[in-house]
Amino acid sequence: MNNLVVKNASQVVTCSGFTGKRGEDMSDLHVIKNGTVVVTDGVISHVLKEGEGLSVDLSDYEVIRAEGKALLPGFVDPHTHFVFGGYREEEFAWRMRGDSYMDIMNRGGGIVNTTRATRAASEDELYIAGKQRLDAMMRLGITTVEGKSGYGLDKETELKQLRVMQRLNEEHPLDVVSTFMGAHATPEEWKGREDEFIDFNINEMFPLVAQEKLAECADIFCEKNVFTIEQSRRYLTAAREQGFKLKIHADEIVPFGGAELAAELGCLSADHLLKASGKGIRAMAKAEVVSTLLPLTAFSLRENFARARTMIDNNCMVALATDFNPGSSFSASVPLLFALACIYMKMSPEEAV
């Protein structure tokens, strides 16, 4: 049934507004006490305060009484890598013995490991696995998810990942927003030729992805020993010329200037930001770049958490995401995400929501 009335919820959290919130506004969730929400033909048609009349014939509606309960919008997870082949469970033990993220990646683990498994998987295998992961996310309250490619790092597999996400967006109840991340790492066959690999993405991949309308955004891993500031600038500038919105993995491992680059280019978001500088944070606030923070990843890697409080106090727009992936954050738990944000990043519950 697509017609639904949820009556007398103790709290209806509306999160009203159409732009990212900043500063003190992040604490105002526009909560309606003892409210009622009406869904007609699958779309919210009314949000009523206590005492407001309901001019709807309820004979065609399922009615749920929600006294003592809170009603929230579906969660948006703006940073995941949920379409992949294989798993990396052995790397957890390596991290526990003290191996760093880059140590594991440099010896063929991490992204490169998942790339091999994703290349070997068929499109149907990736679709089935992706659907199962979206099912799990939906049970955790997520209704919109961003998904990145970047586990192919070649033409065939990158397109395969993006086509799987396109199919899932069409066929699964969750909304899937796709991001092309052809520069997630340098694959083994391009080692030592990183500039040429960037050229390959610019000259071959961007036009193909744009032509098939397989992604809204483009992303790159801007990090020491991955892709330089100049390589990232060139990649993202070309992506914008092809019509993509810009995202960037920035300042995750070391302070590298990724936040400053995100501000310079007017990126939609800069993500991770564990080591972002104060200058970079202030520049992102001025340029209205969203700071997408991933506390589950910091927790898994046993890293210090991003400075969310500093970002909020400097008027940044802050978003939270799970970074669901097979290595550094194998969890889509929104409750755990919020708990870590509040306990370790000093965000209030209202700011986390």
Protein backbone atom coordinates (compact mmCIF):
# COMPACT_ATOMS: atom_id res chain seq x y z
CA MET A 1 0.00 0.00 0.00
CA ASN A 2 1.35 3.44 -0.99
CA ASN A 3 -1.06 5.37 1.25
CA LEU A 4 -0.01 5.66 4.88
CA VAL A 5 -0.79 7.74 7.96
CA VAL A 6 1.59 7.75 10.92
CA LYS A 7 -0.37 9.34 13.77
CA ASN A 8 0.61 11.03 17.01
CA ALA A 9 4.36 10.49 16.87
CA SER A 10 5.95 11.98 19.98
CA GLN A 11 8.47 13.67 17.70
CA VAL A 12 8.38 14.27 13.96
CA VAL A 13 11.87 15.35 12.93
CA THR A 14 11.43 17.28 9.69
CA CYS A 15 14.99 18.57 9.04
CA SER A 16 13.30 21.14 6.82
CA GLY A 17 15.34 23.21 4.40
CA PHE A 18 16.89 22.73 0.99
CA THR A 19 20.56 23.56 1.63
CA GLY A 20 23.26 22.37 3.98
CA LYS A 21 23.11 23.88 7.46
CA ARG A 22 25.93 25.61 9.27
CA GLY A 23 26.84 26.53 12.83
CA GLU A 24 23.97 26.86 15.27
CA ASP A 25 21.44 26.04 12.54
CA MET A 26 22.71 22.44 12.57
CA SER A 27 21.09 21.99 15.99
CA ASP A 28 17.63 23.00 14.78
CA LEU A 29 15.94 19.88 13.39
CA HIS A 30 12.49 21.51 13.18
CA VAL A 31 10.88 18.95 15.47
CA ILE A 32 7.08 18.75 15.64
CA LYS A 33 5.76 17.26 18.87
CA ASN A 34 2.83 14.85 18.69
CA GLY A 35 2.77 15.17 14.92
CA THR A 36 1.16 13.20 12.11
CA VAL A 37 2.59 12.42 8.68
CA VAL A 38 0.43 11.49 5.69
CA VAL A 39 1.86 9.62 2.69
CA THR A 40 -0.28 9.60 -0.47
CA ASP A 41 0.73 7.54 -3.50
CA GLY A 42 4.17 7.03 -1.96
CA VAL A 43 4.84 10.75 -1.42
CA ILE A 44 4.59 12.72 1.85
CA SER A 45 1.56 14.95 1.33
CA HIS A 46 0.93 16.38 4.82
CA VAL A 47 2.90 16.97 8.01
CA LEU A 48 0.46 18.01 10.72
CA LYS A 49 0.95 19.51 14.15
CA GLU A 50 -1.09 18.36 17.13
CA GLY A 51 -4.66 19.54 16.81
CA GLU A 52 -4.55 20.21 13.06
CA GLY A 53 -7.41 18.52 11.26
CA LEU A 54 -6.81 15.64 8.85
CA SER A 55 -8.96 16.17 5.76
CA VAL A 56 -8.26 12.74 4.30
CA ASP A 57 -10.55 9.73 3.87
CA LEU A 58 -8.59 7.12 5.80
CA SER A 59 -10.45 4.18 4.31
CA ASP A 60 -7.72 3.85 1.66
CA TYR A 61 -4.83 4.37 4.11
CA GLU A 62 -2.85 2.12 6.38
CA VAL A 63 -2.80 3.80 9.80
CA ILE A 64 0.08 3.41 12.24
CA ARG A 65 -0.16 4.83 15.75
CA ALA A 66 3.23 6.14 16.89
CA GLU A 67 2.76 7.36 20.45
CA GLY A 68 6.08 7.29 22.30
CA LYS A 69 8.06 7.03 19.08
CA ALA A 70 10.08 9.40 16.91
CA LEU A 71 9.68 9.70 13.16
CA LEU A 72 12.72 10.78 11.13
CA PRO A 73 13.46 11.20 7.43
CA GLY A 74 15.42 8.42 5.79
CA PHE A 75 19.16 8.76 6.23
CA VAL A 76 21.38 9.83 3.34
CA ASP A 77 24.77 8.10 3.17
CA PRO A 78 26.89 10.41 0.96
CA HIS A 79 30.08 8.32 0.73
CA THR A 80 30.26 4.56 0.11
CA HIS A 81 32.07 2.02 -2.07
CA PHE A 82 29.38 -0.66 -1.91
CA VAL A 83 29.84 -2.34 -5.33
CA PHE A 84 32.92 -4.56 -5.14
CA GLY A 85 34.15 -8.12 -5.48
CA GLY A 86 35.89 -10.15 -2.79
CA TYR A 87 36.62 -9.28 0.82
CA ARG A 88 39.72 -8.22 2.73
CA GLU A 89 39.22 -9.87 6.11
CA GLU A 90 42.91 -10.77 6.43
CA GLU A 91 43.81 -7.08 6.43
CA PHE A 92 42.00 -6.55 9.72
CA ALA A 93 44.53 -8.80 11.46
CA TRP A 94 47.37 -6.93 9.73
CA ARG A 95 46.07 -3.59 10.99
CA MET A 96 45.72 -4.97 14.51
CA ARG A 97 49.40 -5.89 14.52
CA GLY A 98 50.28 -2.34 13.53
CA ASP A 99 50.49 -2.30 9.73
CA SER A 100 49.42 1.08 8.35
CA TYR A 101 46.87 1.69 5.60
CA MET A 102 49.63 2.67 3.18
CA ASP A 103 51.85 -0.29 4.20
CA ILE A 104 49.05 -2.68 3.25
CA MET A 105 48.29 -0.85 0.02
CA ASN A 106 51.95 -0.72 -1.05
CA ARG A 107 52.35 -4.49 -0.82
CA GLY A 108 49.33 -5.20 -3.01
CA GLY A 109 46.57 -5.15 -0.44
CA GLY A 110 43.88 -2.55 0.09
CA ILE A 111 42.34 -1.02 -3.02
CA VAL A 112 44.61 -3.01 -5.35
CA ASN A 113 43.46 -6.29 -3.75
CA THR A 114 39.80 -5.40 -4.23
CA THR A 115 40.51 -4.28 -7.79
CA ARG A 116 41.70 -7.77 -8.71
CA ALA A 117 38.57 -9.36 -7.21
CA THR A 118 36.21 -6.83 -8.81
CA ARG A 119 37.75 -7.31 -12.24
CA ALA A 120 37.21 -11.07 -11.87
CA ALA A 121 33.54 -10.74 -10.85
CA SER A 122 30.75 -10.73 -13.42
CA GLU A 123 28.25 -7.90 -13.64
CA ASP A 124 25.52 -10.18 -12.29
CA GLU A 125 27.70 -11.20 -9.34
CA LEU A 126 28.35 -7.56 -8.50
CA TYR A 127 24.65 -6.77 -8.88
CA ILE A 128 23.56 -9.53 -6.49
CA ALA A 129 26.15 -8.55 -3.89
CA GLY A 130 25.28 -4.87 -4.27
CA LYS A 131 21.57 -5.57 -3.87
CA GLN A 132 22.20 -7.52 -0.66
CA ARG A 133 24.21 -4.62 0.74
CA LEU A 134 21.49 -2.11 -0.17
CA ASP A 135 18.93 -4.37 1.52
CA ALA A 136 21.02 -4.24 4.70
CA MET A 137 21.39 -0.46 4.45
CA MET A 138 17.63 -0.05 4.06
CA ARG A 139 17.05 -2.03 7.26
CA LEU A 140 19.35 0.44 9.01
CA GLY A 141 17.24 3.41 7.89
CA ILE A 142 19.22 4.54 4.84
CA THR A 143 17.08 5.59 1.88
CA THR A 144 19.63 7.35 -0.35
CA VAL A 145 23.19 6.18 -0.88
CA GLU A 146 26.10 7.51 -2.91
CA GLY A 147 28.19 4.77 -4.49
CA LYS A 148 31.62 5.12 -6.06
CA SER A 149 33.38 3.13 -8.72
CA GLY A 150 37.15 2.89 -8.36
CA TYR A 151 37.62 -0.85 -7.86
CA GLY A 152 38.12 -1.46 -11.57
CA LEU A 153 40.74 1.10 -12.58
CA ASP A 154 40.35 -0.05 -16.17
CA LYS A 155 37.76 0.76 -18.80
CA GLU A 156 35.77 -2.48 -18.67
CA THR A 157 35.48 -2.81 -14.90
CA GLU A 158 34.84 0.85 -14.11
CA LEU A 159 31.94 0.85 -16.57
CA LYS A 160 30.76 -2.48 -15.13
CA GLN A 161 30.61 -1.02 -11.62
CA LEU A 162 28.76 2.07 -12.78
CA ARG A 163 26.25 0.05 -14.82
CA VAL A 164 25.54 -2.11 -11.77
CA MET A 165 24.80 1.02 -9.73
CA GLN A 166 22.60 2.36 -12.52
CA ARG A 167 20.60 -0.89 -12.54
CA LEU A 168 20.29 -0.86 -8.76
CA ASN A 169 19.04 2.72 -8.80
CA GLU A 170 16.35 1.70 -11.29
CA GLU A 171 15.34 -1.57 -9.60
CA HIS A 172 15.97 -1.16 -5.85
CA PRO A 173 13.83 0.96 -3.46
CA LEU A 174 16.91 2.91 -2.33
CA ASP A 175 18.04 5.86 -4.42
CA VAL A 176 21.61 5.37 -5.65
CA VAL A 177 23.70 8.38 -6.70
CA SER A 178 26.76 7.27 -8.66
CA THR A 179 30.25 8.76 -8.57
CA PHE A 180 33.01 7.89 -11.02
CA MET A 181 36.28 7.37 -9.15
CA GLY A 182 38.65 6.21 -11.83
CA ALA A 183 41.55 7.71 -9.87
CA HIS A 184 41.10 5.73 -6.65
CA ALA A 185 44.61 4.26 -6.92
CA THR A 186 47.16 3.48 -9.61
CA PRO A 187 46.66 -0.11 -10.83
CA GLU A 188 49.64 -2.40 -11.18
CA GLU A 189 49.83 -2.05 -14.97
CA TRP A 190 50.16 1.76 -14.68
CA LYS A 191 52.70 1.90 -11.83
CA GLY A 192 55.28 4.61 -12.44
CA ARG A 193 53.06 6.20 -15.10
CA GLU A 194 50.61 8.05 -12.88
CA ASP A 195 50.43 11.12 -15.12
CA GLU A 196 49.56 8.90 -18.08
CA PHE A 197 46.90 7.17 -15.97
CA ILE A 198 45.33 10.55 -15.22
CA ASP A 199 45.41 11.27 -18.97
CA PHE A 200 43.66 7.94 -19.61
CA ASN A 201 40.85 8.91 -17.25
CA ILE A 202 40.53 12.39 -18.73
CA ASN A 203 40.70 11.44 -22.40
CA GLU A 204 38.95 8.06 -22.42
CA MET A 205 36.93 7.47 -19.27
CA PHE A 206 35.28 10.85 -18.69
CA PRO A 207 33.75 10.99 -22.19
CA LEU A 208 32.46 7.39 -21.95
CA VAL A 209 30.93 7.86 -18.50
CA ALA A 210 29.37 11.18 -19.53
CA GLN A 211 28.01 9.77 -22.79
CA GLU A 212 26.23 6.89 -21.00
CA LYS A 213 25.15 9.18 -18.12
CA LEU A 214 26.55 6.70 -15.63
CA ALA A 215 27.63 9.15 -12.90
CA GLU A 216 26.78 12.56 -11.50
CA CYS A 217 30.10 13.18 -9.77
CA ALA A 218 33.81 12.50 -10.19
CA ASP A 219 36.18 11.78 -7.30
CA ILE A 220 39.93 11.27 -6.78
CA PHE A 221 42.13 10.06 -3.91
CA CYS A 222 44.37 13.09 -3.36
CA GLU A 223 47.01 11.80 -0.97
CA LYS A 224 50.76 11.38 -0.52
CA ASN A 225 51.96 8.37 -2.54
CA VAL A 226 48.59 8.16 -4.34
CA PHE A 227 47.79 11.23 -6.49
CA THR A 228 49.44 14.63 -6.14
CA ILE A 229 47.77 17.99 -5.78
CA GLU A 230 48.59 18.86 -9.39
CA GLN A 231 47.34 15.51 -10.72
CA SER A 232 44.15 15.95 -8.70
CA ARG A 233 43.67 19.51 -9.94
CA ARG A 234 44.07 18.40 -13.55
CA TYR A 235 41.70 15.44 -13.14
CA LEU A 236 38.97 17.42 -11.38
CA THR A 237 39.20 20.41 -13.71
CA ALA A 238 38.72 18.10 -16.68
CA ALA A 239 35.84 16.36 -14.90
CA ARG A 240 34.06 19.66 -14.41
CA GLU A 241 34.50 20.46 -18.10
CA GLN A 242 32.71 17.17 -18.86
CA GLY A 243 29.77 18.18 -16.63
CA PHE A 244 30.56 16.23 -13.46
CA LYS A 245 30.16 17.60 -9.95
CA LEU A 246 33.41 17.36 -8.03
CA LYS A 247 34.31 15.37 -4.92
CA ILE A 248 37.71 14.64 -3.41
CA HIS A 249 39.22 12.22 -0.90
CA ALA A 250 41.35 14.74 0.99
CA ASP A 251 43.87 14.84 3.83
CA GLU A 252 43.10 11.37 5.14
CA ILE A 253 46.59 10.05 5.87
CA VAL A 254 48.77 13.18 6.08
CA PRO A 255 48.20 16.95 5.80
CA PHE A 256 48.43 17.30 2.03
CA GLY A 257 46.49 20.39 0.96
CA GLY A 258 43.44 18.51 -0.30
CA ALA A 259 41.02 20.72 1.64
CA GLU A 260 42.58 23.83 0.13
CA LEU A 261 42.30 22.30 -3.35
CA ALA A 262 38.63 21.46 -2.75
CA ALA A 263 38.00 25.11 -1.88
CA GLU A 264 39.99 26.35 -4.89
CA LEU A 265 37.96 24.21 -7.30
CA GLY A 266 34.59 24.68 -5.59
CA CYS A 267 34.08 20.97 -4.98
CA LEU A 268 30.71 19.69 -3.85
CA SER A 269 32.46 17.95 -0.96
CA ALA A 270 35.83 17.04 0.50
CA ASP A 271 35.81 13.72 2.33
CA HIS A 272 37.80 12.15 5.21
CA LEU A 273 39.73 15.30 6.29
CA LEU A 274 41.37 13.62 9.30
CA LYS A 275 44.48 15.75 8.80
CA ALA A 276 42.93 18.87 7.25
CA SER A 277 44.65 22.13 8.20
CA GLY A 278 42.95 25.08 9.84
CA LYS A 279 43.60 27.07 6.69
CA GLY A 280 41.92 24.37 4.61
CA ILE A 281 38.92 24.23 6.93
CA ARG A 282 38.41 27.99 6.74
CA ALA A 283 38.80 27.94 2.97
CA MET A 284 36.18 25.19 2.62
CA ALA A 285 33.74 27.17 4.76
CA LYS A 286 34.21 30.26 2.59
CA ALA A 287 33.83 28.23 -0.63
CA GLU A 288 30.77 26.34 0.71
CA VAL A 289 32.41 22.93 0.30
CA VAL A 290 30.71 20.24 2.38
CA SER A 291 33.01 18.48 4.86
CA THR A 292 32.00 14.81 4.66
CA LEU A 293 33.39 13.03 7.72
CA LEU A 294 33.81 9.27 8.06
CA PRO A 295 34.26 8.33 11.73
CA LEU A 296 33.73 4.60 11.13
CA THR A 297 36.88 4.62 9.00
CA ALA A 298 38.94 6.49 11.57
CA PHE A 299 37.69 4.03 14.20
CA SER A 300 38.59 1.01 12.06
CA LEU A 301 42.04 2.38 11.20
CA ARG A 302 42.66 3.48 14.81
CA GLU A 303 43.35 7.01 13.60
CA ASN A 304 42.55 10.30 15.28
CA PHE A 305 39.11 11.55 14.30
CA ALA A 306 38.38 14.54 12.08
CA ARG A 307 37.99 17.87 13.88
CA ALA A 308 34.24 18.20 13.44
CA ARG A 309 33.89 20.71 16.25
CA THR A 310 36.49 23.00 14.66
CA MET A 311 34.73 22.71 11.31
CA ILE A 312 31.31 23.51 12.74
CA ASP A 313 32.67 26.43 14.77
CA ASN A 314 34.29 27.77 11.58
CA ASN A 315 30.92 27.68 9.80
CA CYS A 316 31.56 24.61 7.63
CA MET A 317 28.72 22.46 6.37
CA VAL A 318 29.37 19.01 7.87
CA ALA A 319 27.94 15.70 6.66
CA LEU A 320 28.48 12.19 8.01
CA ALA A 321 28.91 9.02 5.94
CA THR A 322 29.71 5.38 6.61
CA ASP A 323 32.39 4.94 3.90
CA PHE A 324 31.10 1.36 3.58
CA ASN A 325 33.85 -0.62 1.82
CA PRO A 326 35.54 -4.03 2.10
CA GLY A 327 38.66 -2.84 3.88
CA SER A 328 38.69 0.21 6.11
CA SER A 329 34.99 0.45 7.02
CA PHE A 330 32.99 -2.73 6.63
CA SER A 331 29.86 -1.32 8.27
CA ALA A 332 26.77 0.58 7.20
CA SER A 333 25.54 1.11 10.77
CA VAL A 334 24.06 4.58 11.09
CA PRO A 335 23.54 4.22 14.88
CA LEU A 336 27.23 3.42 15.33
CA LEU A 337 28.16 6.24 12.95
CA PHE A 338 26.20 8.74 15.04
CA ALA A 339 27.58 7.39 18.32
CA LEU A 340 31.18 7.79 17.14
CA ALA A 341 30.47 11.29 15.83
CA CYS A 342 29.05 12.36 19.19
CA ILE A 343 31.54 10.59 21.47
CA TYR A 344 34.78 11.13 19.56
CA MET A 345 34.10 14.15 17.34
CA LYS A 346 32.17 16.15 19.95
CA MET A 347 29.09 16.61 17.79
CA SER A 348 25.71 16.91 19.44
CA PRO A 349 23.03 14.35 18.53
CA GLU A 350 21.16 17.08 16.67
CA GLU A 351 24.25 18.00 14.65
CA ALA A 352 24.85 14.34 13.81
CA VAL A 353 21.30 13.90 12.49
